[in-house]
Amino acid sequence: MSIRGLYVITDPDLIPEHRLLNDVVQVIAGGARIVQYRNKTDDYPTRLHQAREIRQVCRDRKVTFIVNDDAELAVELDADGVHIGEQDLALPDARLVVGPTRLIGVSCYNDLNRARRSWERGADYVAFGSFYSSATKPNARRASLALLRHARQQLPIPIIAIGGITLENGASLLQAGADALAVIRAVFAVADPRSAAEQLANLFLTNETNTR
């Protein structure tokens, strides 16, 4: 399981249920390497059904599948991992639920100390952001490129950048040390999710070429 590349996050407020599975298929075809199922509003049977379908698509296409917040759902689905924030289950408790082999990612916002502690406690990756203005979370704490550079120097685990990421600003985050770019609206709020994913995925190829 790899946490590197284009990391897409579903949003029930943005993606109608009848489009959800097809849009996920399209962004994977465009180059998404990690899919996080995020749904904090629907009831458990709905979330279980949606996530199970997405899990199968990811498994068939060898894409990493992460569940947001819900460690028990991640286990029931045999997901590759769970992603937790500061209001979710504590990392040691999440590890007890998901076991030693599943990934745990932790949102660290603009807090490098939180990221260090998370790594020390067994996090498999950390996420910083919002780096740019985000319509999904307009009041989110803002992280800087300088923070990302410091984190890259100090942390041996993958680092995810999130928040207002677009084709125009994504390259700067990769150059500062991000291993993955997490996006929602950049792929799911456009007419052609596959094309949008392809363009964002190409940023990683360009960055690799420039750093050789």
C-alpha atoms as a PDB file:
ATOM      1  CA  MET A   1       0.000   0.000   0.000  1.00  0.00           C
ATOM      2  CA  SER A   2       1.466   3.283  -1.089  1.00  0.00           C
ATOM      3  CA  ILE A   3       0.616   6.809   0.042  1.00  0.00           C
ATOM      4  CA  ARG A   4       2.019   8.710  -2.880  1.00  0.00           C
ATOM      5  CA  GLY A   5       0.350  10.485  -5.767  1.00  0.00           C
ATOM      6  CA  LEU A   6      -3.108  11.899  -6.288  1.00  0.00           C
ATOM      7  CA  TYR A   7      -5.290  11.353  -3.210  1.00  0.00           C
ATOM      8  CA  VAL A   8      -9.003  11.991  -3.800  1.00  0.00           C
ATOM      9  CA  ILE A   9     -11.652  12.434  -1.105  1.00  0.00           C
ATOM     10  CA  THR A  10     -15.366  11.920  -1.656  1.00  0.00           C
ATOM     11  CA  ASP A  11     -17.912  14.453  -0.406  1.00  0.00           C
ATOM     12  CA  PRO A  12     -21.653  13.661  -0.224  1.00  0.00           C
ATOM     13  CA  ASP A  13     -22.510  17.366  -0.389  1.00  0.00           C
ATOM     14  CA  LEU A  14     -20.694  17.651  -3.691  1.00  0.00           C
ATOM     15  CA  ILE A  15     -21.294  14.310  -5.410  1.00  0.00           C
ATOM     16  CA  PRO A  16     -24.873  13.049  -5.863  1.00  0.00           C
ATOM     17  CA  GLU A  17     -25.221   9.415  -4.814  1.00  0.00           C
ATOM     18  CA  HIS A  18     -26.135   8.280  -8.321  1.00  0.00           C
ATOM     19  CA  ARG A  19     -22.825   9.696  -9.606  1.00  0.00           C
ATOM     20  CA  LEU A  20     -20.551   8.626  -6.766  1.00  0.00           C
ATOM     21  CA  LEU A  21     -19.292   5.280  -7.973  1.00  0.00           C
ATOM     22  CA  ASN A  22     -18.850   6.394 -11.589  1.00  0.00           C
ATOM     23  CA  ASP A  23     -16.965   9.525 -10.563  1.00  0.00           C
ATOM     24  CA  VAL A  24     -14.621   7.442  -8.419  1.00  0.00           C
ATOM     25  CA  VAL A  25     -14.032   5.090 -11.362  1.00  0.00           C
ATOM     26  CA  GLN A  26     -13.262   8.091 -13.574  1.00  0.00           C
ATOM     27  CA  VAL A  27     -10.726   9.694 -11.228  1.00  0.00           C
ATOM     28  CA  ILE A  28      -8.961   6.367 -10.761  1.00  0.00           C
ATOM     29  CA  ALA A  29      -8.796   6.011 -14.540  1.00  0.00           C
ATOM     30  CA  GLY A  30      -7.288   9.481 -14.589  1.00  0.00           C
ATOM     31  CA  GLY A  31      -4.518   8.526 -12.198  1.00  0.00           C
ATOM     32  CA  ALA A  32      -5.762   8.758  -8.591  1.00  0.00           C
ATOM     33  CA  ARG A  33      -3.720   6.420  -6.408  1.00  0.00           C
ATOM     34  CA  ILE A  34      -5.577   6.796  -3.087  1.00  0.00           C
ATOM     35  CA  VAL A  35      -9.324   7.137  -2.513  1.00  0.00           C
ATOM     36  CA  GLN A  36     -10.693   8.253   0.839  1.00  0.00           C
ATOM     37  CA  TYR A  37     -14.361   7.626   1.480  1.00  0.00           C
ATOM     38  CA  ARG A  38     -15.636  10.554   3.553  1.00  0.00           C
ATOM     39  CA  ASN A  39     -19.283  10.754   4.549  1.00  0.00           C
ATOM     40  CA  LYS A  40     -20.237  12.181   7.935  1.00  0.00           C
ATOM     41  CA  THR A  41     -23.941  12.740   7.219  1.00  0.00           C
ATOM     42  CA  ASP A  42     -25.660   9.617   5.869  1.00  0.00           C
ATOM     43  CA  ASP A  43     -26.800   6.709   8.008  1.00  0.00           C
ATOM     44  CA  TYR A  44     -24.639   3.641   8.552  1.00  0.00           C
ATOM     45  CA  PRO A  45     -26.360   1.331   6.017  1.00  0.00           C
ATOM     46  CA  THR A  46     -25.937   3.978   3.303  1.00  0.00           C
ATOM     47  CA  ARG A  47     -22.299   4.548   4.160  1.00  0.00           C
ATOM     48  CA  LEU A  48     -21.647   0.812   4.309  1.00  0.00           C
ATOM     49  CA  HIS A  49     -23.202   0.263   0.878  1.00  0.00           C
ATOM     50  CA  GLN A  50     -21.387   3.165  -0.761  1.00  0.00           C
ATOM     51  CA  ALA A  51     -18.048   2.363   0.796  1.00  0.00           C
ATOM     52  CA  ARG A  52     -18.296  -1.325  -0.055  1.00  0.00           C
ATOM     53  CA  GLU A  53     -18.804  -0.507  -3.731  1.00  0.00           C
ATOM     54  CA  ILE A  54     -15.886   1.919  -3.742  1.00  0.00           C
ATOM     55  CA  ARG A  55     -13.710  -0.573  -1.873  1.00  0.00           C
ATOM     56  CA  GLN A  56     -14.294  -3.152  -4.591  1.00  0.00           C
ATOM     57  CA  VAL A  57     -13.453  -0.681  -7.350  1.00  0.00           C
ATOM     58  CA  CYS A  58     -10.217   0.233  -5.555  1.00  0.00           C
ATOM     59  CA  ARG A  59      -9.293  -3.396  -4.957  1.00  0.00           C
ATOM     60  CA  ASP A  60      -9.876  -4.309  -8.601  1.00  0.00           C
ATOM     61  CA  ARG A  61      -7.666  -1.421  -9.732  1.00  0.00           C
ATOM     62  CA  LYS A  62      -4.995  -1.785  -7.029  1.00  0.00           C
ATOM     63  CA  VAL A  63      -5.725   1.637  -5.550  1.00  0.00           C
ATOM     64  CA  THR A  64      -5.338   2.322  -1.816  1.00  0.00           C
ATOM     65  CA  PHE A  65      -8.715   2.696  -0.088  1.00  0.00           C
ATOM     66  CA  ILE A  66      -9.008   4.758   3.107  1.00  0.00           C
ATOM     67  CA  VAL A  67     -12.071   5.350   5.295  1.00  0.00           C
ATOM     68  CA  ASN A  68     -12.429   8.727   6.964  1.00  0.00           C
ATOM     69  CA  ASP A  69     -12.987   8.765  10.717  1.00  0.00           C
ATOM     70  CA  ASP A  70     -14.710   5.386  11.160  1.00  0.00           C
ATOM     71  CA  ALA A  71     -12.209   2.710  12.228  1.00  0.00           C
ATOM     72  CA  GLU A  72     -14.887   0.074  12.712  1.00  0.00           C
ATOM     73  CA  LEU A  73     -16.242   0.633   9.209  1.00  0.00           C
ATOM     74  CA  ALA A  74     -12.699   0.354   7.860  1.00  0.00           C
ATOM     75  CA  VAL A  75     -12.345  -3.048   9.509  1.00  0.00           C
ATOM     76  CA  GLU A  76     -15.748  -4.280   8.348  1.00  0.00           C
ATOM     77  CA  LEU A  77     -14.897  -3.351   4.768  1.00  0.00           C
ATOM     78  CA  ASP A  78     -11.336  -4.660   4.987  1.00  0.00           C
ATOM     79  CA  ALA A  79     -10.185  -1.191   3.934  1.00  0.00           C
ATOM     80  CA  ASP A  80      -6.496  -0.420   3.588  1.00  0.00           C
ATOM     81  CA  GLY A  81      -6.682   2.140   6.366  1.00  0.00           C
ATOM     82  CA  VAL A  82      -8.449   4.879   8.262  1.00  0.00           C
ATOM     83  CA  HIS A  83      -7.874   8.632   8.441  1.00  0.00           C
ATOM     84  CA  ILE A  84      -8.495  10.471  11.717  1.00  0.00           C
ATOM     85  CA  GLY A  85      -8.675  14.106  12.813  1.00  0.00           C
ATOM     86  CA  GLU A  86      -8.410  15.769  16.186  1.00  0.00           C
ATOM     87  CA  GLN A  87     -12.112  15.215  16.969  1.00  0.00           C
ATOM     88  CA  ASP A  88     -12.032  11.542  15.992  1.00  0.00           C
ATOM     89  CA  LEU A  89     -10.824   8.412  17.746  1.00  0.00           C
ATOM     90  CA  ALA A  90      -7.373   8.821  19.322  1.00  0.00           C
ATOM     91  CA  LEU A  91      -4.550   7.214  17.387  1.00  0.00           C
ATOM     92  CA  PRO A  92      -3.735   4.454  19.946  1.00  0.00           C
ATOM     93  CA  ASP A  93      -7.418   3.553  20.138  1.00  0.00           C
ATOM     94  CA  ALA A  94      -7.723   3.534  16.356  1.00  0.00           C
ATOM     95  CA  ARG A  95      -4.746   1.179  16.180  1.00  0.00           C
ATOM     96  CA  LEU A  96      -6.425  -1.214  18.584  1.00  0.00           C
ATOM     97  CA  VAL A  97      -9.474  -1.281  16.304  1.00  0.00           C
ATOM     98  CA  VAL A  98      -7.824  -1.540  12.885  1.00  0.00           C
ATOM     99  CA  GLY A  99      -4.892  -3.744  13.876  1.00  0.00           C
ATOM    100  CA  PRO A 100      -1.188  -3.550  13.097  1.00  0.00           C
ATOM    101  CA  THR A 101      -1.283  -3.809   9.311  1.00  0.00           C
ATOM    102  CA  ARG A 102      -3.835  -1.212   8.232  1.00  0.00           C
ATOM    103  CA  LEU A 103      -2.730   2.340   7.564  1.00  0.00           C
ATOM    104  CA  ILE A 104      -3.591   5.167   9.903  1.00  0.00           C
ATOM    105  CA  GLY A 105      -3.373   8.719   8.607  1.00  0.00           C
ATOM    106  CA  VAL A 106      -3.660  11.745  10.881  1.00  0.00           C
ATOM    107  CA  SER A 107      -4.763  15.296  10.098  1.00  0.00           C
ATOM    108  CA  CYS A 108      -2.207  17.693  11.582  1.00  0.00           C
ATOM    109  CA  TYR A 109      -3.526  20.979  10.169  1.00  0.00           C
ATOM    110  CA  ASN A 110      -0.674  23.483  10.707  1.00  0.00           C
ATOM    111  CA  ASP A 111       0.842  21.732  13.741  1.00  0.00           C
ATOM    112  CA  LEU A 112       4.252  20.155  13.228  1.00  0.00           C
ATOM    113  CA  ASN A 113       4.377  19.020  16.863  1.00  0.00           C
ATOM    114  CA  ARG A 114       1.146  17.088  16.384  1.00  0.00           C
ATOM    115  CA  ALA A 115       2.684  15.457  13.326  1.00  0.00           C
ATOM    116  CA  ARG A 116       5.814  14.444  15.246  1.00  0.00           C
ATOM    117  CA  ARG A 117       3.743  12.971  18.070  1.00  0.00           C
ATOM    118  CA  SER A 118       1.567  11.115  15.579  1.00  0.00           C
ATOM    119  CA  TRP A 119       4.604   9.594  13.908  1.00  0.00           C
ATOM    120  CA  GLU A 120       6.046   8.572  17.279  1.00  0.00           C
ATOM    121  CA  ARG A 121       2.731   6.914  18.166  1.00  0.00           C
ATOM    122  CA  GLY A 122       2.630   4.909  14.977  1.00  0.00           C
ATOM    123  CA  ALA A 123       0.907   7.005  12.311  1.00  0.00           C
ATOM    124  CA  ASP A 124       1.648   5.783   8.797  1.00  0.00           C
ATOM    125  CA  TYR A 125       1.198   9.202   7.215  1.00  0.00           C
ATOM    126  CA  VAL A 126       0.245  12.739   8.204  1.00  0.00           C
ATOM    127  CA  ALA A 127      -1.698  15.470   6.440  1.00  0.00           C
ATOM    128  CA  PHE A 128      -1.168  19.223   6.632  1.00  0.00           C
ATOM    129  CA  GLY A 129      -3.478  21.978   5.437  1.00  0.00           C
ATOM    130  CA  SER A 130      -5.382  23.943   4.412  1.00  0.00           C
ATOM    131  CA  PHE A 131      -2.616  25.372   2.248  1.00  0.00           C
ATOM    132  CA  TYR A 132      -4.937  27.517   0.158  1.00  0.00           C
ATOM    133  CA  SER A 133      -8.445  28.887   0.456  1.00  0.00           C
ATOM    134  CA  SER A 134     -10.896  26.001   0.396  1.00  0.00           C
ATOM    135  CA  ALA A 135     -14.577  26.148  -0.422  1.00  0.00           C
ATOM    136  CA  THR A 136     -15.031  22.820   1.340  1.00  0.00           C
ATOM    137  CA  LYS A 137     -13.642  24.164   4.633  1.00  0.00           C
ATOM    138  CA  PRO A 138     -13.495  27.961   4.332  1.00  0.00           C
ATOM    139  CA  ASN A 139     -12.526  28.444   7.997  1.00  0.00           C
ATOM    140  CA  ALA A 140      -9.813  25.808   8.078  1.00  0.00           C
ATOM    141  CA  ARG A 141      -6.481  26.608   9.710  1.00  0.00           C
ATOM    142  CA  ARG A 142      -3.868  27.579   7.153  1.00  0.00           C
ATOM    143  CA  ALA A 143      -0.565  25.826   6.684  1.00  0.00           C
ATOM    144  CA  SER A 144       2.469  27.249   4.876  1.00  0.00           C
ATOM    145  CA  LEU A 145       5.021  25.955   2.423  1.00  0.00           C
ATOM    146  CA  ALA A 146       7.673  26.628   5.063  1.00  0.00           C
ATOM    147  CA  LEU A 147       5.885  24.246   7.449  1.00  0.00           C
ATOM    148  CA  LEU A 148       5.792  21.624   4.725  1.00  0.00           C
ATOM    149  CA  ARG A 149       9.537  21.978   4.113  1.00  0.00           C
ATOM    150  CA  HIS A 150      10.299  21.638   7.843  1.00  0.00           C
ATOM    151  CA  ALA A 151       8.050  18.594   8.080  1.00  0.00           C
ATOM    152  CA  ARG A 152       9.801  16.961   5.134  1.00  0.00           C
ATOM    153  CA  GLN A 153      13.155  17.398   6.867  1.00  0.00           C
ATOM    154  CA  GLN A 154      11.932  15.917  10.148  1.00  0.00           C
ATOM    155  CA  LEU A 155       9.445  13.169   9.301  1.00  0.00           C
ATOM    156  CA  PRO A 156      10.288   9.843   7.635  1.00  0.00           C
ATOM    157  CA  ILE A 157       6.655   9.032   6.776  1.00  0.00           C
ATOM    158  CA  PRO A 158       4.548  10.221   3.827  1.00  0.00           C
ATOM    159  CA  ILE A 159       3.187  13.765   3.990  1.00  0.00           C
ATOM    160  CA  ILE A 160      -0.126  14.748   2.442  1.00  0.00           C
ATOM    161  CA  ALA A 161      -1.007  18.307   1.440  1.00  0.00           C
ATOM    162  CA  ILE A 162      -4.668  19.313   1.439  1.00  0.00           C
ATOM    163  CA  GLY A 163      -6.825  22.396   1.078  1.00  0.00           C
ATOM    164  CA  GLY A 164      -7.669  24.416  -2.010  1.00  0.00           C
ATOM    165  CA  ILE A 165      -5.244  22.482  -4.201  1.00  0.00           C
ATOM    166  CA  THR A 166      -5.504  23.105  -7.940  1.00  0.00           C
ATOM    167  CA  LEU A 167      -3.555  22.393 -11.074  1.00  0.00           C
ATOM    168  CA  GLU A 168      -1.993  25.847 -10.749  1.00  0.00           C
ATOM    169  CA  ASN A 169      -0.694  25.546  -7.183  1.00  0.00           C
ATOM    170  CA  GLY A 170      -0.103  21.814  -6.764  1.00  0.00           C
ATOM    171  CA  ALA A 171       3.445  21.811  -8.136  1.00  0.00           C
ATOM    172  CA  SER A 172       4.691  24.141  -5.399  1.00  0.00           C
ATOM    173  CA  LEU A 173       3.501  21.673  -2.753  1.00  0.00           C
ATOM    174  CA  LEU A 174       5.332  18.789  -4.391  1.00  0.00           C
ATOM    175  CA  GLN A 175       8.488  20.863  -4.625  1.00  0.00           C
ATOM    176  CA  ALA A 176       8.199  21.660  -0.904  1.00  0.00           C
ATOM    177  CA  GLY A 177       8.072  17.968  -0.027  1.00  0.00           C
ATOM    178  CA  ALA A 178       4.507  16.661  -0.255  1.00  0.00           C
ATOM    179  CA  ASP A 179       4.222  13.001  -1.228  1.00  0.00           C
ATOM    180  CA  ALA A 180       0.544  13.256  -2.112  1.00  0.00           C
ATOM    181  CA  LEU A 181      -1.989  15.935  -2.983  1.00  0.00           C
ATOM    182  CA  ALA A 182      -5.437  15.477  -1.462  1.00  0.00           C
ATOM    183  CA  VAL A 183      -8.259  17.008  -3.477  1.00  0.00           C
ATOM    184  CA  ILE A 184     -12.025  17.108  -3.473  1.00  0.00           C
ATOM    185  CA  ARG A 185     -13.430  19.912  -5.597  1.00  0.00           C
ATOM    186  CA  ALA A 186     -10.531  19.882  -8.061  1.00  0.00           C
ATOM    187  CA  VAL A 187     -11.764  16.540  -9.402  1.00  0.00           C
ATOM    188  CA  PHE A 188     -15.360  16.140  -8.217  1.00  0.00           C
ATOM    189  CA  ALA A 189     -16.711  19.639  -8.887  1.00  0.00           C
ATOM    190  CA  VAL A 190     -15.810  19.662 -12.581  1.00  0.00           C
ATOM    191  CA  ALA A 191     -17.513  18.383 -15.702  1.00  0.00           C
ATOM    192  CA  ASP A 192     -14.795  15.844 -16.527  1.00  0.00           C
ATOM    193  CA  PRO A 193     -13.361  14.193 -13.382  1.00  0.00           C
ATOM    194  CA  ARG A 194     -11.105  11.891 -15.368  1.00  0.00           C
ATOM    195  CA  SER A 195      -9.415  14.694 -17.269  1.00  0.00           C
ATOM    196  CA  ALA A 196      -8.989  16.740 -14.095  1.00  0.00           C
ATOM    197  CA  ALA A 197      -7.375  13.759 -12.353  1.00  0.00           C
ATOM    198  CA  GLU A 198      -5.058  13.156 -15.304  1.00  0.00           C
ATOM    199  CA  GLN A 199      -3.796  16.721 -15.231  1.00  0.00           C
ATOM    200  CA  LEU A 200      -3.166  16.627 -11.487  1.00  0.00           C
ATOM    201  CA  ALA A 201      -1.489  13.217 -11.698  1.00  0.00           C
ATOM    202  CA  ASN A 202       0.848  14.593 -14.353  1.00  0.00           C
ATOM    203  CA  LEU A 203       2.215  17.050 -11.778  1.00  0.00           C
ATOM    204  CA  PHE A 204       3.906  14.118 -10.059  1.00  0.00           C
ATOM    205  CA  LEU A 205       5.580  12.994 -13.271  1.00  0.00           C
ATOM    206  CA  THR A 206       6.802  16.510 -13.957  1.00  0.00           C
ATOM    207  CA  ASN A 207       8.111  16.874 -10.413  1.00  0.00           C
ATOM    208  CA  GLU A 208       9.988  13.562 -10.639  1.00  0.00           C
ATOM    209  CA  THR A 209      11.577  14.660 -13.915  1.00  0.00           C
ATOM    210  CA  ASN A 210      12.628  18.002 -12.458  1.00  0.00           C
ATOM    211  CA  THR A 211      14.194  16.440  -9.351  1.00  0.00           C
ATOM    212  CA  ARG A 212      16.326  13.834 -11.099  1.00  0.00           C
END
